[in-house]
Amino acid sequence: MNVSPLRMSRTFTSLRVARENGMAAGRALWFGWPLVVPHAAFVRGNLPAGGAIASAADMARYVGAHLRVRRAERARPPHFLK
């Protein structure tokens, strides 16, 4: 999946496709010992709510876009001054 406006090229809505494209294995602690978790929890029912698998860089782009929008909203004059 390529979320074009933000250039999020490492964001996926399919666990299979994410793994094919080099998704890292999850980790968990088991009585203090780190273990690789081969089956990441991914619930397809969450996709309509924005559930996706994304790299840290893609998530940074996503959050940055939201922060820029918020700054732009605060910079605009109120609607009654237009």
N, C-alpha and C. Protein backbone atom coordinates (compact mmCIF):
# COMPACT_ATOMS: atom_id res chain seq x y z
N MET A 1 0.85 -1.17 0.00
CA MET A 1 0.00 0.00 0.00
C MET A 1 0.90 1.23 0.00
N ASN A 2 0.62 2.17 -0.87
CA ASN A 2 1.38 3.42 -0.91
C ASN A 2 0.40 4.54 -0.60
N VAL A 3 0.58 5.16 0.55
CA VAL A 3 -0.26 6.28 0.93
C VAL A 3 0.40 7.51 0.32
N SER A 4 0.05 7.79 -0.93
CA SER A 4 0.77 8.73 -1.79
C SER A 4 0.99 10.13 -1.23
N PRO A 5 -0.01 10.85 -0.75
CA PRO A 5 0.24 12.23 -0.33
C PRO A 5 1.34 12.35 0.73
N LEU A 6 1.48 11.34 1.56
CA LEU A 6 2.50 11.39 2.61
C LEU A 6 3.75 10.58 2.27
N ARG A 7 3.74 9.92 1.12
CA ARG A 7 4.86 9.07 0.69
C ARG A 7 5.16 7.98 1.73
N MET A 8 4.11 7.35 2.24
CA MET A 8 4.25 6.28 3.22
C MET A 8 4.37 4.96 2.48
N SER A 9 5.59 4.63 2.07
CA SER A 9 5.81 3.45 1.22
C SER A 9 5.99 2.16 2.02
N ARG A 10 6.08 2.24 3.34
CA ARG A 10 6.25 1.05 4.17
C ARG A 10 5.07 0.87 5.11
N THR A 11 3.86 1.12 4.59
CA THR A 11 2.63 0.94 5.35
C THR A 11 1.78 -0.10 4.64
N PHE A 12 1.27 -1.06 5.41
CA PHE A 12 0.55 -2.19 4.82
C PHE A 12 -0.74 -2.46 5.57
N THR A 13 -1.70 -3.02 4.85
CA THR A 13 -2.96 -3.45 5.47
C THR A 13 -3.08 -4.96 5.45
N SER A 14 -2.03 -5.64 5.02
CA SER A 14 -2.01 -7.10 4.96
C SER A 14 -0.76 -7.60 5.69
N LEU A 15 -0.95 -8.47 6.65
CA LEU A 15 0.18 -9.03 7.38
C LEU A 15 1.10 -9.80 6.45
N ARG A 16 0.52 -10.54 5.51
CA ARG A 16 1.33 -11.32 4.57
C ARG A 16 2.22 -10.41 3.73
N VAL A 17 1.66 -9.35 3.19
CA VAL A 17 2.42 -8.41 2.35
C VAL A 17 3.48 -7.70 3.19
N ALA A 18 3.15 -7.35 4.42
CA ALA A 18 4.13 -6.70 5.30
C ALA A 18 5.31 -7.62 5.55
N ARG A 19 5.04 -8.88 5.81
CA ARG A 19 6.13 -9.85 6.03
C ARG A 19 6.97 -10.03 4.78
N GLU A 20 6.31 -10.08 3.61
CA GLU A 20 7.05 -10.21 2.35
C GLU A 20 7.96 -9.02 2.09
N ASN A 21 7.61 -7.88 2.66
CA ASN A 21 8.39 -6.66 2.47
C ASN A 21 9.33 -6.36 3.63
N GLY A 22 9.61 -7.36 4.45
CA GLY A 22 10.64 -7.22 5.47
C GLY A 22 10.21 -6.73 6.83
N MET A 23 8.94 -6.95 7.21
CA MET A 23 8.49 -6.54 8.53
C MET A 23 9.30 -7.27 9.59
N ALA A 24 9.73 -6.55 10.60
CA ALA A 24 10.50 -7.16 11.69
C ALA A 24 9.61 -8.05 12.54
N ALA A 25 10.20 -9.07 13.12
CA ALA A 25 9.45 -9.95 14.01
C ALA A 25 9.24 -9.23 15.34
N GLY A 26 8.12 -9.50 15.96
CA GLY A 26 7.84 -8.90 17.25
C GLY A 26 8.67 -9.54 18.35
N ARG A 27 8.75 -8.88 19.48
CA ARG A 27 9.50 -9.38 20.62
C ARG A 27 8.61 -9.34 21.85
N ALA A 28 8.86 -10.23 22.78
CA ALA A 28 8.14 -10.24 24.05
C ALA A 28 9.06 -10.80 25.12
N LEU A 29 8.82 -10.43 26.36
CA LEU A 29 9.58 -10.99 27.47
C LEU A 29 8.81 -12.16 28.08
N TRP A 30 9.51 -13.25 28.31
CA TRP A 30 8.93 -14.42 28.94
C TRP A 30 9.77 -14.72 30.17
N PHE A 31 9.23 -14.38 31.34
CA PHE A 31 9.96 -14.50 32.59
C PHE A 31 11.33 -13.84 32.51
N GLY A 32 11.36 -12.66 31.88
CA GLY A 32 12.59 -11.88 31.79
C GLY A 32 13.47 -12.20 30.60
N TRP A 33 13.14 -13.22 29.83
CA TRP A 33 13.94 -13.60 28.66
C TRP A 33 13.26 -13.09 27.39
N PRO A 34 14.03 -12.40 26.53
CA PRO A 34 13.43 -11.91 25.28
C PRO A 34 13.20 -13.06 24.29
N LEU A 35 12.00 -13.09 23.74
CA LEU A 35 11.65 -14.11 22.75
C LEU A 35 11.12 -13.45 21.48
N VAL A 36 11.38 -14.08 20.34
CA VAL A 36 10.81 -13.63 19.07
C VAL A 36 9.38 -14.14 19.01
N VAL A 37 8.45 -13.26 18.66
CA VAL A 37 7.04 -13.63 18.53
C VAL A 37 6.74 -13.70 17.03
N PRO A 38 6.67 -14.91 16.47
CA PRO A 38 6.50 -15.03 15.02
C PRO A 38 5.13 -14.60 14.50
N HIS A 39 4.12 -14.66 15.33
CA HIS A 39 2.77 -14.33 14.87
C HIS A 39 2.30 -13.05 15.56
N ALA A 40 2.53 -11.93 14.90
CA ALA A 40 2.10 -10.65 15.46
C ALA A 40 0.58 -10.59 15.51
N ALA A 41 0.05 -9.94 16.52
CA ALA A 41 -1.40 -9.78 16.62
C ALA A 41 -1.85 -8.71 15.62
N PHE A 42 -2.62 -9.12 14.65
CA PHE A 42 -3.12 -8.20 13.63
C PHE A 42 -4.56 -8.58 13.37
N VAL A 43 -5.46 -7.69 13.74
CA VAL A 43 -6.89 -7.97 13.61
C VAL A 43 -7.43 -7.23 12.40
N ARG A 44 -7.84 -7.98 11.36
CA ARG A 44 -8.33 -7.36 10.13
C ARG A 44 -9.57 -6.50 10.37
N GLY A 45 -10.33 -6.80 11.40
CA GLY A 45 -11.52 -6.03 11.71
C GLY A 45 -11.20 -4.59 12.11
N ASN A 46 -9.95 -4.31 12.45
CA ASN A 46 -9.55 -2.95 12.82
C ASN A 46 -9.18 -2.10 11.61
N LEU A 47 -9.10 -2.67 10.43
CA LEU A 47 -8.69 -1.90 9.24
C LEU A 47 -9.60 -0.70 8.97
N PRO A 48 -10.92 -0.82 9.04
CA PRO A 48 -11.76 0.36 8.78
C PRO A 48 -11.53 1.49 9.79
N ALA A 49 -11.03 1.15 10.96
CA ALA A 49 -10.77 2.16 11.99
C ALA A 49 -9.37 2.75 11.86
N GLY A 50 -8.66 2.40 10.81
CA GLY A 50 -7.32 2.94 10.60
C GLY A 50 -6.22 1.97 10.99
N GLY A 51 -6.57 0.72 11.24
CA GLY A 51 -5.56 -0.26 11.61
C GLY A 51 -4.67 -0.58 10.43
N ALA A 52 -3.37 -0.45 10.61
CA ALA A 52 -2.41 -0.74 9.55
C ALA A 52 -1.08 -1.10 10.18
N ILE A 53 -0.21 -1.71 9.40
CA ILE A 53 1.14 -2.02 9.83
C ILE A 53 2.03 -0.99 9.15
N ALA A 54 2.80 -0.24 9.93
CA ALA A 54 3.62 0.83 9.35
C ALA A 54 5.00 0.85 9.99
N SER A 55 5.97 1.32 9.22
CA SER A 55 7.32 1.49 9.76
C SER A 55 7.33 2.73 10.66
N ALA A 56 8.37 2.86 11.47
CA ALA A 56 8.49 4.03 12.34
C ALA A 56 8.59 5.30 11.51
N ALA A 57 9.30 5.24 10.39
CA ALA A 57 9.43 6.43 9.53
C ALA A 57 8.08 6.84 8.96
N ASP A 58 7.27 5.87 8.53
CA ASP A 58 5.94 6.18 8.01
C ASP A 58 5.04 6.76 9.10
N MET A 59 5.14 6.21 10.32
CA MET A 59 4.33 6.75 11.41
C MET A 59 4.75 8.18 11.74
N ALA A 60 6.05 8.48 11.64
CA ALA A 60 6.53 9.84 11.87
C ALA A 60 5.95 10.80 10.84
N ARG A 61 5.87 10.36 9.58
CA ARG A 61 5.26 11.18 8.53
C ARG A 61 3.78 11.43 8.84
N TYR A 62 3.09 10.39 9.29
CA TYR A 62 1.66 10.48 9.60
C TYR A 62 1.42 11.47 10.75
N VAL A 63 2.17 11.32 11.82
CA VAL A 63 2.01 12.22 12.97
C VAL A 63 2.42 13.64 12.59
N GLY A 64 3.50 13.79 11.82
CA GLY A 64 3.93 15.10 11.38
C GLY A 64 2.87 15.81 10.56
N ALA A 65 2.17 15.06 9.72
CA ALA A 65 1.10 15.65 8.91
C ALA A 65 -0.01 16.18 9.81
N HIS A 66 -0.36 15.42 10.84
CA HIS A 66 -1.40 15.87 11.76
C HIS A 66 -0.95 17.11 12.53
N LEU A 67 0.29 17.16 12.93
CA LEU A 67 0.79 18.32 13.67
C LEU A 67 0.81 19.56 12.79
N ARG A 68 1.19 19.40 11.52
CA ARG A 68 1.19 20.54 10.60
C ARG A 68 -0.22 21.07 10.39
N VAL A 69 -1.20 20.19 10.28
CA VAL A 69 -2.59 20.62 10.11
C VAL A 69 -3.04 21.41 11.33
N ARG A 70 -2.72 20.93 12.51
CA ARG A 70 -3.12 21.62 13.74
C ARG A 70 -2.49 23.02 13.79
N ARG A 71 -1.20 23.15 13.41
CA ARG A 71 -0.55 24.45 13.41
C ARG A 71 -1.23 25.38 12.42
N ALA A 72 -1.59 24.85 11.26
CA ALA A 72 -2.24 25.66 10.22
C ALA A 72 -3.62 26.12 10.70
N GLU A 73 -4.34 25.27 11.41
CA GLU A 73 -5.66 25.65 11.93
C GLU A 73 -5.54 26.77 12.95
N ARG A 74 -4.52 26.71 13.80
CA ARG A 74 -4.34 27.76 14.81
C ARG A 74 -3.90 29.07 14.16
N ALA A 75 -3.21 29.01 13.02
CA ALA A 75 -2.70 30.22 12.37
C ALA A 75 -3.78 30.97 11.61
N ARG A 76 -4.87 30.29 11.23
CA ARG A 76 -5.95 30.94 10.49
C ARG A 76 -6.77 31.85 11.40
N PRO A 77 -7.24 32.95 10.85
CA PRO A 77 -8.12 33.80 11.67
C PRO A 77 -9.46 33.10 11.87
N PRO A 78 -10.17 33.44 12.92
CA PRO A 78 -11.49 32.84 13.13
C PRO A 78 -12.41 33.12 11.96
N HIS A 79 -13.40 32.24 11.76
CA HIS A 79 -14.30 32.36 10.60
C HIS A 79 -15.04 33.69 10.57
N PHE A 80 -15.32 34.31 11.70
CA PHE A 80 -16.09 35.56 11.69
C PHE A 80 -15.25 36.77 11.28
N LEU A 81 -13.91 36.60 11.17
CA LEU A 81 -13.05 37.69 10.72
C LEU A 81 -12.79 37.66 9.21
N LYS A 82 -13.28 36.63 8.54
CA LYS A 82 -13.01 36.48 7.12
C LYS A 82 -13.87 37.41 6.29
